């Protein structure tokens, strides 16, 4: 089976994005498949797990009941459930999305300080998620954006440890904030200050080739070469490349090494593997486990290469996306 057929033989959350990003399907077909996310498969299943108070798992960032001796971090609370629905592409205009988000807006409060969900809390990593979710689902997150702009560090990025004295940015915190600011721009157009802050944050990553220390050129973390899904709050090269693809600019030459890492991971059958699942309690599995072909990583990798190689060659992006997928 060709990789494209394998991707299409999947959940609506995957299929509609494959149709949009990797084929010439008409917009009406893409939208029809996207609408099914709310009523079929993973999207419908996850929506059904929201309780009457608007929460998933009885909590906002952590589930109400969990034992700190559990392996990893539990991923079943409201924040990570909404992040999955955003990844799935749940149409924010759908009745199901509006009902779910209204319940969150009215009832979900951060454990850190009892703030309403779309007012954010104190950690920029979490606030980047709150901005991404609010912007995507049509909620006002202007105040959280302003807070993030005031917390950008001198090197251009962000770090959740800044309140404890850190003056150097973190790749993990920075990618979460950048994704939030980009979603905010897509939804509202952003402001001159938010656009400038996002571009400075991009430069922080680009100066380091998405992978390396600026001072020594040393690879910072080998785990960043292993691709995960869901990414949760963690950084890796594929997540960073997919962010730059979504930002829509022409590829910067400084991402070339990360792209070569991505190319090197393609399997003979045209797929990419799941490599680095982040342990913790989940609602249900989306993949077959580490070391097995991953539809999510394959989708994201093919659209990154389509953007990168199509821009470099000036040719057909779709032809490049599907190269090597038989």
C-alpha atoms as a PDB file:
ATOM      1  CA  UNK A   1       0.000   0.000   0.000  1.00  0.00           C
ATOM      2  CA  UNK A   2       1.278   3.474  -0.823  1.00  0.00           C
ATOM      3  CA  UNK A   3       1.897   5.759   2.135  1.00  0.00           C
ATOM      4  CA  UNK A   4      -0.742   8.182   0.892  1.00  0.00           C
ATOM      5  CA  UNK A   5      -3.363   5.425   0.771  1.00  0.00           C
ATOM      6  CA  UNK A   6      -2.304   4.324   4.247  1.00  0.00           C
ATOM      7  CA  UNK A   7      -2.763   7.851   5.567  1.00  0.00           C
ATOM      8  CA  UNK A   8      -6.193   8.133   3.982  1.00  0.00           C
ATOM      9  CA  UNK A   9      -7.220   4.793   5.485  1.00  0.00           C
ATOM     10  CA  UNK A  10      -7.462   6.437   8.885  1.00  0.00           C
ATOM     11  CA  UNK A  11      -9.428   8.639  11.249  1.00  0.00           C
ATOM     12  CA  UNK A  12     -11.148  11.803   9.921  1.00  0.00           C
ATOM     13  CA  UNK A  13      -8.640  13.869  11.951  1.00  0.00           C
ATOM     14  CA  UNK A  14      -5.857  12.523   9.736  1.00  0.00           C
ATOM     15  CA  UNK A  15      -7.800  12.204   6.494  1.00  0.00           C
ATOM     16  CA  UNK A  16      -8.952  15.793   6.175  1.00  0.00           C
ATOM     17  CA  UNK A  17      -5.416  17.112   6.693  1.00  0.00           C
ATOM     18  CA  UNK A  18      -4.015  14.651   4.161  1.00  0.00           C
ATOM     19  CA  UNK A  19      -6.636  15.791   1.649  1.00  0.00           C
ATOM     20  CA  UNK A  20      -5.798  19.449   2.304  1.00  0.00           C
ATOM     21  CA  UNK A  21      -2.010  19.207   2.482  1.00  0.00           C
ATOM     22  CA  UNK A  22      -0.983  16.269   0.314  1.00  0.00           C
ATOM     23  CA  UNK A  23      -3.572  16.001  -2.469  1.00  0.00           C
ATOM     24  CA  UNK A  24      -5.455  18.186  -4.912  1.00  0.00           C
ATOM     25  CA  UNK A  25      -8.825  17.493  -3.264  1.00  0.00           C
ATOM     26  CA  UNK A  26     -11.355  20.305  -3.737  1.00  0.00           C
ATOM     27  CA  UNK A  27     -12.056  22.476  -0.670  1.00  0.00           C
ATOM     28  CA  UNK A  28     -15.591  21.107  -0.408  1.00  0.00           C
ATOM     29  CA  UNK A  29     -14.260  17.564   0.035  1.00  0.00           C
ATOM     30  CA  UNK A  30     -11.717  18.732   2.612  1.00  0.00           C
ATOM     31  CA  UNK A  31     -14.382  20.582   4.607  1.00  0.00           C
ATOM     32  CA  UNK A  32     -16.793  17.666   4.442  1.00  0.00           C
ATOM     33  CA  UNK A  33     -14.182  15.336   5.887  1.00  0.00           C
ATOM     34  CA  UNK A  34     -13.143  17.884   8.510  1.00  0.00           C
ATOM     35  CA  UNK A  35     -16.750  18.175   9.695  1.00  0.00           C
ATOM     36  CA  UNK A  36     -16.677  14.466  10.552  1.00  0.00           C
ATOM     37  CA  UNK A  37     -14.061  15.082  13.274  1.00  0.00           C
ATOM     38  CA  UNK A  38     -16.851  16.244  15.596  1.00  0.00           C
ATOM     39  CA  UNK A  39     -19.038  13.208  15.020  1.00  0.00           C
ATOM     40  CA  UNK A  40     -16.758  10.277  14.184  1.00  0.00           C
ATOM     41  CA  UNK A  41     -13.568   8.676  15.466  1.00  0.00           C
ATOM     42  CA  UNK A  42     -11.087  10.266  17.807  1.00  0.00           C
ATOM     43  CA  UNK A  43     -12.702  13.711  17.863  1.00  0.00           C
ATOM     44  CA  UNK A  44     -16.162  12.461  18.796  1.00  0.00           C
ATOM     45  CA  UNK A  45     -14.663  10.042  21.315  1.00  0.00           C
ATOM     46  CA  UNK A  46     -12.672  12.795  23.023  1.00  0.00           C
ATOM     47  CA  UNK A  47     -15.587  15.240  23.060  1.00  0.00           C
ATOM     48  CA  UNK A  48     -17.706  12.583  24.786  1.00  0.00           C
ATOM     49  CA  UNK A  49     -15.189  12.429  27.648  1.00  0.00           C
ATOM     50  CA  UNK A  50     -15.799  16.049  28.697  1.00  0.00           C
ATOM     51  CA  UNK A  51     -17.836  16.111  31.897  1.00  0.00           C
ATOM     52  CA  UNK A  52     -20.857  18.284  32.609  1.00  0.00           C
ATOM     53  CA  UNK A  53     -18.702  20.880  34.391  1.00  0.00           C
ATOM     54  CA  UNK A  54     -16.634  21.383  31.256  1.00  0.00           C
ATOM     55  CA  UNK A  55     -13.536  19.537  32.385  1.00  0.00           C
ATOM     56  CA  UNK A  56     -11.684  16.540  31.148  1.00  0.00           C
ATOM     57  CA  UNK A  57     -10.261  14.417  33.945  1.00  0.00           C
ATOM     58  CA  UNK A  58     -11.777  16.749  36.532  1.00  0.00           C
ATOM     59  CA  UNK A  59      -8.955  19.298  36.214  1.00  0.00           C
ATOM     60  CA  UNK A  60      -7.459  22.033  34.057  1.00  0.00           C
ATOM     61  CA  UNK A  61      -3.766  21.141  33.736  1.00  0.00           C
ATOM     62  CA  UNK A  62      -3.733  18.011  35.886  1.00  0.00           C
ATOM     63  CA  UNK A  63      -6.564  15.528  36.395  1.00  0.00           C
ATOM     64  CA  UNK A  64      -8.364  15.714  39.723  1.00  0.00           C
ATOM     65  CA  UNK A  65      -7.146  12.303  40.784  1.00  0.00           C
ATOM     66  CA  UNK A  66      -3.588  11.274  40.099  1.00  0.00           C
ATOM     67  CA  UNK A  67      -0.710   9.769  42.012  1.00  0.00           C
ATOM     68  CA  UNK A  68       2.672  11.447  41.590  1.00  0.00           C
ATOM     69  CA  UNK A  69       4.216   7.991  41.571  1.00  0.00           C
ATOM     70  CA  UNK A  70       2.544   7.345  38.182  1.00  0.00           C
ATOM     71  CA  UNK A  71       5.079   7.129  35.343  1.00  0.00           C
ATOM     72  CA  UNK A  72       5.350  10.365  33.418  1.00  0.00           C
ATOM     73  CA  UNK A  73       2.806  13.169  33.536  1.00  0.00           C
ATOM     74  CA  UNK A  74      -0.930  12.483  33.191  1.00  0.00           C
ATOM     75  CA  UNK A  75      -2.255  13.864  29.892  1.00  0.00           C
ATOM     76  CA  UNK A  76      -5.996  13.523  30.517  1.00  0.00           C
ATOM     77  CA  UNK A  77      -6.899  16.960  31.914  1.00  0.00           C
ATOM     78  CA  UNK A  78      -8.610  19.783  30.040  1.00  0.00           C
ATOM     79  CA  UNK A  79      -5.551  21.533  28.572  1.00  0.00           C
ATOM     80  CA  UNK A  80      -4.103  18.505  26.815  1.00  0.00           C
ATOM     81  CA  UNK A  81      -7.535  17.301  25.725  1.00  0.00           C
ATOM     82  CA  UNK A  82      -8.216  20.631  24.002  1.00  0.00           C
ATOM     83  CA  UNK A  83      -4.751  20.564  22.434  1.00  0.00           C
ATOM     84  CA  UNK A  84      -5.618  17.218  20.867  1.00  0.00           C
ATOM     85  CA  UNK A  85      -8.915  18.578  19.534  1.00  0.00           C
ATOM     86  CA  UNK A  86      -6.984  21.445  17.981  1.00  0.00           C
ATOM     87  CA  UNK A  87      -4.514  18.995  16.435  1.00  0.00           C
ATOM     88  CA  UNK A  88      -7.436  16.971  15.118  1.00  0.00           C
ATOM     89  CA  UNK A  89      -8.720  20.126  13.422  1.00  0.00           C
ATOM     90  CA  UNK A  90     -12.089  20.156  15.151  1.00  0.00           C
ATOM     91  CA  UNK A  91     -13.907  22.982  13.363  1.00  0.00           C
ATOM     92  CA  UNK A  92     -14.119  25.775  15.983  1.00  0.00           C
ATOM     93  CA  UNK A  93     -17.378  26.945  14.374  1.00  0.00           C
ATOM     94  CA  UNK A  94     -19.106  23.619  14.902  1.00  0.00           C
ATOM     95  CA  UNK A  95     -21.833  23.302  17.527  1.00  0.00           C
ATOM     96  CA  UNK A  96     -19.816  20.628  19.298  1.00  0.00           C
ATOM     97  CA  UNK A  97     -16.744  22.843  19.561  1.00  0.00           C
ATOM     98  CA  UNK A  98     -18.694  25.876  20.709  1.00  0.00           C
ATOM     99  CA  UNK A  99     -20.452  23.914  23.442  1.00  0.00           C
ATOM    100  CA  UNK A 100     -17.207  22.344  24.659  1.00  0.00           C
ATOM    101  CA  UNK A 101     -15.295  25.634  24.711  1.00  0.00           C
ATOM    102  CA  UNK A 102     -18.104  27.548  26.384  1.00  0.00           C
ATOM    103  CA  UNK A 103     -18.103  24.993  29.200  1.00  0.00           C
ATOM    104  CA  UNK A 104     -14.342  25.406  29.578  1.00  0.00           C
ATOM    105  CA  UNK A 105     -14.588  29.196  29.528  1.00  0.00           C
ATOM    106  CA  UNK A 106     -17.294  29.218  32.180  1.00  0.00           C
ATOM    107  CA  UNK A 107     -15.949  26.534  34.506  1.00  0.00           C
ATOM    108  CA  UNK A 108     -12.295  25.626  34.018  1.00  0.00           C
ATOM    109  CA  UNK A 109      -9.805  27.399  36.274  1.00  0.00           C
ATOM    110  CA  UNK A 110      -6.047  26.970  36.568  1.00  0.00           C
ATOM    111  CA  UNK A 111      -4.810  25.067  39.591  1.00  0.00           C
ATOM    112  CA  UNK A 112      -1.933  27.534  40.025  1.00  0.00           C
ATOM    113  CA  UNK A 113      -4.053  30.535  40.999  1.00  0.00           C
ATOM    114  CA  UNK A 114      -7.713  29.795  40.224  1.00  0.00           C
ATOM    115  CA  UNK A 115      -7.637  32.014  37.111  1.00  0.00           C
ATOM    116  CA  UNK A 116     -10.248  31.443  34.377  1.00  0.00           C
ATOM    117  CA  UNK A 117      -8.842  29.276  31.585  1.00  0.00           C
ATOM    118  CA  UNK A 118      -8.538  31.934  28.895  1.00  0.00           C
ATOM    119  CA  UNK A 119      -6.874  34.407  31.260  1.00  0.00           C
ATOM    120  CA  UNK A 120      -3.887  32.077  31.534  1.00  0.00           C
ATOM    121  CA  UNK A 121      -1.682  31.463  34.559  1.00  0.00           C
ATOM    122  CA  UNK A 122       1.986  32.245  35.277  1.00  0.00           C
ATOM    123  CA  UNK A 123       4.186  29.853  33.284  1.00  0.00           C
ATOM    124  CA  UNK A 124       4.861  31.014  29.704  1.00  0.00           C
ATOM    125  CA  UNK A 125       4.921  27.427  28.426  1.00  0.00           C
ATOM    126  CA  UNK A 126       1.361  26.868  29.668  1.00  0.00           C
ATOM    127  CA  UNK A 127       0.291  30.350  28.611  1.00  0.00           C
ATOM    128  CA  UNK A 128       1.528  29.622  25.088  1.00  0.00           C
ATOM    129  CA  UNK A 129      -0.887  26.687  25.058  1.00  0.00           C
ATOM    130  CA  UNK A 130      -3.694  28.878  26.443  1.00  0.00           C
ATOM    131  CA  UNK A 131      -3.122  31.442  23.677  1.00  0.00           C
ATOM    132  CA  UNK A 132      -3.066  28.763  20.972  1.00  0.00           C
ATOM    133  CA  UNK A 133      -6.298  27.273  22.266  1.00  0.00           C
ATOM    134  CA  UNK A 134      -8.084  30.571  22.843  1.00  0.00           C
ATOM    135  CA  UNK A 135      -7.112  31.948  19.449  1.00  0.00           C
ATOM    136  CA  UNK A 136      -8.055  28.737  17.646  1.00  0.00           C
ATOM    137  CA  UNK A 137     -11.431  28.431  19.348  1.00  0.00           C
ATOM    138  CA  UNK A 138     -12.310  32.135  19.087  1.00  0.00           C
ATOM    139  CA  UNK A 139     -11.800  33.265  22.680  1.00  0.00           C
ATOM    140  CA  UNK A 140     -10.187  36.533  23.789  1.00  0.00           C
ATOM    141  CA  UNK A 141      -6.607  35.932  24.926  1.00  0.00           C
ATOM    142  CA  UNK A 142      -5.255  39.472  24.460  1.00  0.00           C
ATOM    143  CA  UNK A 143      -4.243  39.670  28.121  1.00  0.00           C
ATOM    144  CA  UNK A 144      -2.238  36.453  27.979  1.00  0.00           C
ATOM    145  CA  UNK A 145      -0.462  37.647  24.844  1.00  0.00           C
ATOM    146  CA  UNK A 146       0.499  40.903  26.545  1.00  0.00           C
ATOM    147  CA  UNK A 147       1.923  38.973  29.479  1.00  0.00           C
ATOM    148  CA  UNK A 148       3.993  36.789  27.153  1.00  0.00           C
ATOM    149  CA  UNK A 149       5.381  39.819  25.305  1.00  0.00           C
ATOM    150  CA  UNK A 150       6.573  41.217  28.628  1.00  0.00           C
ATOM    151  CA  UNK A 151       8.288  37.941  29.516  1.00  0.00           C
ATOM    152  CA  UNK A 152      10.419  37.543  26.391  1.00  0.00           C
ATOM    153  CA  UNK A 153      14.069  37.223  27.396  1.00  0.00           C
ATOM    154  CA  UNK A 154      17.007  39.147  25.979  1.00  0.00           C
ATOM    155  CA  UNK A 155      18.093  36.224  23.766  1.00  0.00           C
ATOM    156  CA  UNK A 156      14.688  36.220  22.064  1.00  0.00           C
ATOM    157  CA  UNK A 157      13.023  33.185  23.605  1.00  0.00           C
ATOM    158  CA  UNK A 158      11.096  32.297  26.740  1.00  0.00           C
ATOM    159  CA  UNK A 159      11.719  30.078  29.762  1.00  0.00           C
ATOM    160  CA  UNK A 160       9.362  28.907  32.500  1.00  0.00           C
ATOM    161  CA  UNK A 161      12.330  29.106  34.862  1.00  0.00           C
ATOM    162  CA  UNK A 162      12.680  32.879  34.378  1.00  0.00           C
ATOM    163  CA  UNK A 163      10.668  33.545  37.524  1.00  0.00           C
ATOM    164  CA  UNK A 164      13.301  31.530  39.384  1.00  0.00           C
ATOM    165  CA  UNK A 165      16.159  33.559  37.943  1.00  0.00           C
ATOM    166  CA  UNK A 166      16.958  32.003  34.573  1.00  0.00           C
ATOM    167  CA  UNK A 167      18.065  34.526  31.954  1.00  0.00           C
ATOM    168  CA  UNK A 168      18.497  31.997  29.136  1.00  0.00           C
ATOM    169  CA  UNK A 169      15.625  30.711  27.060  1.00  0.00           C
ATOM    170  CA  UNK A 170      14.356  27.167  26.734  1.00  0.00           C
ATOM    171  CA  UNK A 171      13.595  25.536  23.376  1.00  0.00           C
ATOM    172  CA  UNK A 172      10.586  23.774  24.929  1.00  0.00           C
ATOM    173  CA  UNK A 173       9.023  26.899  26.374  1.00  0.00           C
ATOM    174  CA  UNK A 174       9.846  28.913  23.262  1.00  0.00           C
ATOM    175  CA  UNK A 175       8.156  26.519  20.811  1.00  0.00           C
ATOM    176  CA  UNK A 176       4.980  26.510  22.906  1.00  0.00           C
ATOM    177  CA  UNK A 177       4.891  30.310  22.979  1.00  0.00           C
ATOM    178  CA  UNK A 178       5.658  30.596  19.267  1.00  0.00           C
ATOM    179  CA  UNK A 179       2.831  28.236  18.368  1.00  0.00           C
ATOM    180  CA  UNK A 180       0.489  30.318  20.504  1.00  0.00           C
ATOM    181  CA  UNK A 181       1.557  33.620  18.971  1.00  0.00           C
ATOM    182  CA  UNK A 182       1.276  32.188  15.467  1.00  0.00           C
ATOM    183  CA  UNK A 183      -2.258  30.941  16.118  1.00  0.00           C
ATOM    184  CA  UNK A 184      -3.087  34.373  17.552  1.00  0.00           C
ATOM    185  CA  UNK A 185      -1.873  36.019  14.337  1.00  0.00           C
ATOM    186  CA  UNK A 186      -3.872  33.600  12.206  1.00  0.00           C
ATOM    187  CA  UNK A 187      -7.000  34.411  14.208  1.00  0.00           C
ATOM    188  CA  UNK A 188      -6.648  38.156  14.771  1.00  0.00           C
ATOM    189  CA  UNK A 189      -3.838  39.431  12.574  1.00  0.00           C
ATOM    190  CA  UNK A 190      -1.810  40.015  15.718  1.00  0.00           C
ATOM    191  CA  UNK A 191      -0.276  43.354  16.652  1.00  0.00           C
ATOM    192  CA  UNK A 192       3.025  44.893  15.541  1.00  0.00           C
ATOM    193  CA  UNK A 193       4.458  43.977  18.941  1.00  0.00           C
ATOM    194  CA  UNK A 194       3.250  40.362  18.883  1.00  0.00           C
ATOM    195  CA  UNK A 195       4.530  39.859  15.329  1.00  0.00           C
ATOM    196  CA  UNK A 196       7.924  41.309  16.255  1.00  0.00           C
ATOM    197  CA  UNK A 197       8.118  39.137  19.377  1.00  0.00           C
ATOM    198  CA  UNK A 198       7.289  36.017  17.391  1.00  0.00           C
ATOM    199  CA  UNK A 199       9.940  36.829  14.811  1.00  0.00           C
ATOM    200  CA  UNK A 200      12.525  37.362  17.546  1.00  0.00           C
ATOM    201  CA  UNK A 201      11.549  34.001  18.996  1.00  0.00           C
ATOM    202  CA  UNK A 202      12.016  32.363  15.608  1.00  0.00           C
ATOM    203  CA  UNK A 203      15.450  33.922  15.366  1.00  0.00           C
ATOM    204  CA  UNK A 204      16.354  32.391  18.739  1.00  0.00           C
ATOM    205  CA  UNK A 205      15.730  28.925  17.239  1.00  0.00           C
ATOM    206  CA  UNK A 206      17.270  29.702  13.853  1.00  0.00           C
ATOM    207  CA  UNK A 207      20.501  31.042  15.355  1.00  0.00           C
ATOM    208  CA  UNK A 208      20.900  27.607  16.905  1.00  0.00           C
ATOM    209  CA  UNK A 209      19.970  25.642  13.807  1.00  0.00           C
ATOM    210  CA  UNK A 210      16.890  24.370  15.689  1.00  0.00           C
ATOM    211  CA  UNK A 211      19.174  21.892  17.491  1.00  0.00           C
ATOM    212  CA  UNK A 212      22.489  23.297  18.726  1.00  0.00           C
ATOM    213  CA  UNK A 213      24.062  25.540  21.319  1.00  0.00           C
ATOM    214  CA  UNK A 214      24.871  28.955  19.909  1.00  0.00           C
ATOM    215  CA  UNK A 215      28.138  29.136  21.823  1.00  0.00           C
ATOM    216  CA  UNK A 216      29.691  25.755  20.963  1.00  0.00           C
ATOM    217  CA  UNK A 217      27.587  24.287  18.160  1.00  0.00           C
ATOM    218  CA  UNK A 218      27.046  21.208  20.314  1.00  0.00           C
ATOM    219  CA  UNK A 219      23.831  19.212  19.911  1.00  0.00           C
ATOM    220  CA  UNK A 220      21.752  20.141  22.937  1.00  0.00           C
ATOM    221  CA  UNK A 221      19.613  17.031  23.383  1.00  0.00           C
ATOM    222  CA  UNK A 222      19.618  13.797  21.361  1.00  0.00           C
ATOM    223  CA  UNK A 223      15.945  13.305  22.242  1.00  0.00           C
ATOM    224  CA  UNK A 224      15.188  16.184  19.866  1.00  0.00           C
ATOM    225  CA  UNK A 225      16.154  13.870  16.990  1.00  0.00           C
ATOM    226  CA  UNK A 226      13.444  11.359  17.994  1.00  0.00           C
ATOM    227  CA  UNK A 227       9.966  12.337  16.837  1.00  0.00           C
ATOM    228  CA  UNK A 228       6.956  12.106  19.139  1.00  0.00           C
ATOM    229  CA  UNK A 229       3.211  12.471  18.838  1.00  0.00           C
ATOM    230  CA  UNK A 230       1.427  13.917  20.674  1.00  0.00           C
ATOM    231  CA  UNK A 231       4.243  16.357  21.362  1.00  0.00           C
ATOM    232  CA  UNK A 232       2.700  17.550  24.672  1.00  0.00           C
ATOM    233  CA  UNK A 233       5.015  20.324  25.980  1.00  0.00           C
ATOM    234  CA  UNK A 234       8.212  18.781  24.587  1.00  0.00           C
ATOM    235  CA  UNK A 235      10.449  20.054  21.814  1.00  0.00           C
ATOM    236  CA  UNK A 236      11.815  18.055  18.900  1.00  0.00           C
ATOM    237  CA  UNK A 237      13.089  18.810  15.402  1.00  0.00           C
ATOM    238  CA  UNK A 238       9.895  17.758  13.618  1.00  0.00           C
ATOM    239  CA  UNK A 239       7.732  19.913  15.856  1.00  0.00           C
ATOM    240  CA  UNK A 240       9.970  22.911  15.164  1.00  0.00           C
ATOM    241  CA  UNK A 241      10.010  22.297  11.414  1.00  0.00           C
ATOM    242  CA  UNK A 242       6.235  21.944  11.320  1.00  0.00           C
ATOM    243  CA  UNK A 243       5.942  25.264  13.152  1.00  0.00           C
ATOM    244  CA  UNK A 244       8.080  27.031  10.526  1.00  0.00           C
ATOM    245  CA  UNK A 245       6.021  25.391   7.775  1.00  0.00           C
ATOM    246  CA  UNK A 246       2.827  26.673   9.390  1.00  0.00           C
ATOM    247  CA  UNK A 247       4.340  30.165   9.664  1.00  0.00           C
ATOM    248  CA  UNK A 248       4.426  30.176   5.859  1.00  0.00           C
ATOM    249  CA  UNK A 249       7.661  32.008   5.151  1.00  0.00           C
ATOM    250  CA  UNK A 250      10.254  30.719   2.714  1.00  0.00           C
ATOM    251  CA  UNK A 251      12.560  28.210   4.419  1.00  0.00           C
ATOM    252  CA  UNK A 252      15.597  29.709   6.122  1.00  0.00           C
ATOM    253  CA  UNK A 253      18.907  28.050   5.213  1.00  0.00           C
ATOM    254  CA  UNK A 254      19.620  27.495   8.902  1.00  0.00           C
ATOM    255  CA  UNK A 255      17.003  24.743   9.138  1.00  0.00           C
ATOM    256  CA  UNK A 256      18.878  22.589   6.612  1.00  0.00           C
ATOM    257  CA  UNK A 257      20.414  20.254   9.190  1.00  0.00           C
ATOM    258  CA  UNK A 258      17.062  19.591  10.844  1.00  0.00           C
ATOM    259  CA  UNK A 259      15.554  18.856   7.423  1.00  0.00           C
ATOM    260  CA  UNK A 260      18.325  16.342   6.730  1.00  0.00           C
ATOM    261  CA  UNK A 261      17.543  14.651  10.038  1.00  0.00           C
ATOM    262  CA  UNK A 262      13.913  14.479   8.948  1.00  0.00           C
ATOM    263  CA  UNK A 263      14.791  13.011   5.554  1.00  0.00           C
ATOM    264  CA  UNK A 264      17.049  10.407   7.151  1.00  0.00           C
ATOM    265  CA  UNK A 265      14.163   9.079   9.231  1.00  0.00           C
ATOM    266  CA  UNK A 266      11.942   8.133   6.277  1.00  0.00           C
ATOM    267  CA  UNK A 267      11.460   4.373   6.043  1.00  0.00           C
ATOM    268  CA  UNK A 268      11.693   2.369   2.790  1.00  0.00           C
ATOM    269  CA  UNK A 269       7.882   2.236   2.624  1.00  0.00           C
ATOM    270  CA  UNK A 270       7.685   6.046   2.748  1.00  0.00           C
ATOM    271  CA  UNK A 271       6.541   6.334   6.366  1.00  0.00           C
ATOM    272  CA  UNK A 272       8.075   7.758   9.522  1.00  0.00           C
ATOM    273  CA  UNK A 273       8.086   5.956  12.873  1.00  0.00           C
ATOM    274  CA  UNK A 274       6.816   6.964  16.276  1.00  0.00           C
ATOM    275  CA  UNK A 275      10.015   7.196  18.313  1.00  0.00           C
ATOM    276  CA  UNK A 276       9.598   8.984  21.608  1.00  0.00           C
ATOM    277  CA  UNK A 277       6.198   8.650  23.259  1.00  0.00           C
ATOM    278  CA  UNK A 278       6.036  10.829  26.373  1.00  0.00           C
ATOM    279  CA  UNK A 279       4.859   8.547  29.190  1.00  0.00           C
ATOM    280  CA  UNK A 280       1.769   9.267  31.215  1.00  0.00           C
ATOM    281  CA  UNK A 281      -1.912   8.494  31.549  1.00  0.00           C
ATOM    282  CA  UNK A 282      -3.874   9.005  28.309  1.00  0.00           C
ATOM    283  CA  UNK A 283      -7.504   8.834  27.207  1.00  0.00           C
ATOM    284  CA  UNK A 284      -6.817   6.369  24.382  1.00  0.00           C
ATOM    285  CA  UNK A 285      -3.994   5.519  21.993  1.00  0.00           C
ATOM    286  CA  UNK A 286      -3.633   7.318  18.658  1.00  0.00           C
ATOM    287  CA  UNK A 287      -0.707   5.256  17.373  1.00  0.00           C
ATOM    288  CA  UNK A 288       0.571   1.662  17.556  1.00  0.00           C
ATOM    289  CA  UNK A 289       3.562   2.487  19.769  1.00  0.00           C
ATOM    290  CA  UNK A 290       7.228   3.415  19.458  1.00  0.00           C
ATOM    291  CA  UNK A 291       9.101   1.733  16.651  1.00  0.00           C
ATOM    292  CA  UNK A 292       5.942   1.399  14.567  1.00  0.00           C
ATOM    293  CA  UNK A 293       4.883   3.530  11.575  1.00  0.00           C
ATOM    294  CA  UNK A 294       3.179   6.738  12.712  1.00  0.00           C
ATOM    295  CA  UNK A 295       0.454   8.375  10.668  1.00  0.00           C
ATOM    296  CA  UNK A 296       0.850  11.637  12.575  1.00  0.00           C
ATOM    297  CA  UNK A 297       4.607  11.811  12.077  1.00  0.00           C
ATOM    298  CA  UNK A 298       4.286  10.764   8.428  1.00  0.00           C
ATOM    299  CA  UNK A 299       1.661  13.440   7.736  1.00  0.00           C
ATOM    300  CA  UNK A 300       3.709  16.146   9.418  1.00  0.00           C
ATOM    301  CA  UNK A 301       6.981  15.045   7.805  1.00  0.00           C
ATOM    302  CA  UNK A 302       5.542  14.933   4.283  1.00  0.00           C
ATOM    303  CA  UNK A 303       4.010  18.373   4.538  1.00  0.00           C
ATOM    304  CA  UNK A 304       7.245  19.819   5.943  1.00  0.00           C
ATOM    305  CA  UNK A 305       9.214  18.348   3.045  1.00  0.00           C
ATOM    306  CA  UNK A 306       6.600  19.581   0.603  1.00  0.00           C
ATOM    307  CA  UNK A 307       6.987  23.104   1.946  1.00  0.00           C
ATOM    308  CA  UNK A 308      10.774  22.954   2.119  1.00  0.00           C
ATOM    309  CA  UNK A 309      11.597  21.205  -1.135  1.00  0.00           C
ATOM    310  CA  UNK A 310       8.834  22.893  -3.073  1.00  0.00           C
ATOM    311  CA  UNK A 311      10.149  26.293  -2.014  1.00  0.00           C
ATOM    312  CA  UNK A 312      13.779  25.414  -2.697  1.00  0.00           C
ATOM    313  CA  UNK A 313      13.082  23.866  -6.107  1.00  0.00           C
ATOM    314  CA  UNK A 314      10.361  26.302  -7.077  1.00  0.00           C
ATOM    315  CA  UNK A 315       8.441  23.344  -8.402  1.00  0.00           C
ATOM    316  CA  UNK A 316       5.289  21.479  -7.588  1.00  0.00           C
ATOM    317  CA  UNK A 317       4.923  21.210  -3.838  1.00  0.00           C
ATOM    318  CA  UNK A 318       2.473  18.326  -4.166  1.00  0.00           C
ATOM    319  CA  UNK A 319       4.867  16.359  -6.375  1.00  0.00           C
ATOM    320  CA  UNK A 320       7.601  16.789  -3.803  1.00  0.00           C
ATOM    321  CA  UNK A 321       5.290  15.829  -0.916  1.00  0.00           C
ATOM    322  CA  UNK A 322       4.529  12.477  -2.458  1.00  0.00           C
ATOM    323  CA  UNK A 323       8.045  11.656  -3.649  1.00  0.00           C
ATOM    324  CA  UNK A 324       9.254   8.432  -2.125  1.00  0.00           C
ATOM    325  CA  UNK A 325       5.883   7.410  -0.722  1.00  0.00           C
ATOM    326  CA  UNK A 326       5.442   4.133  -2.588  1.00  0.00           C
END
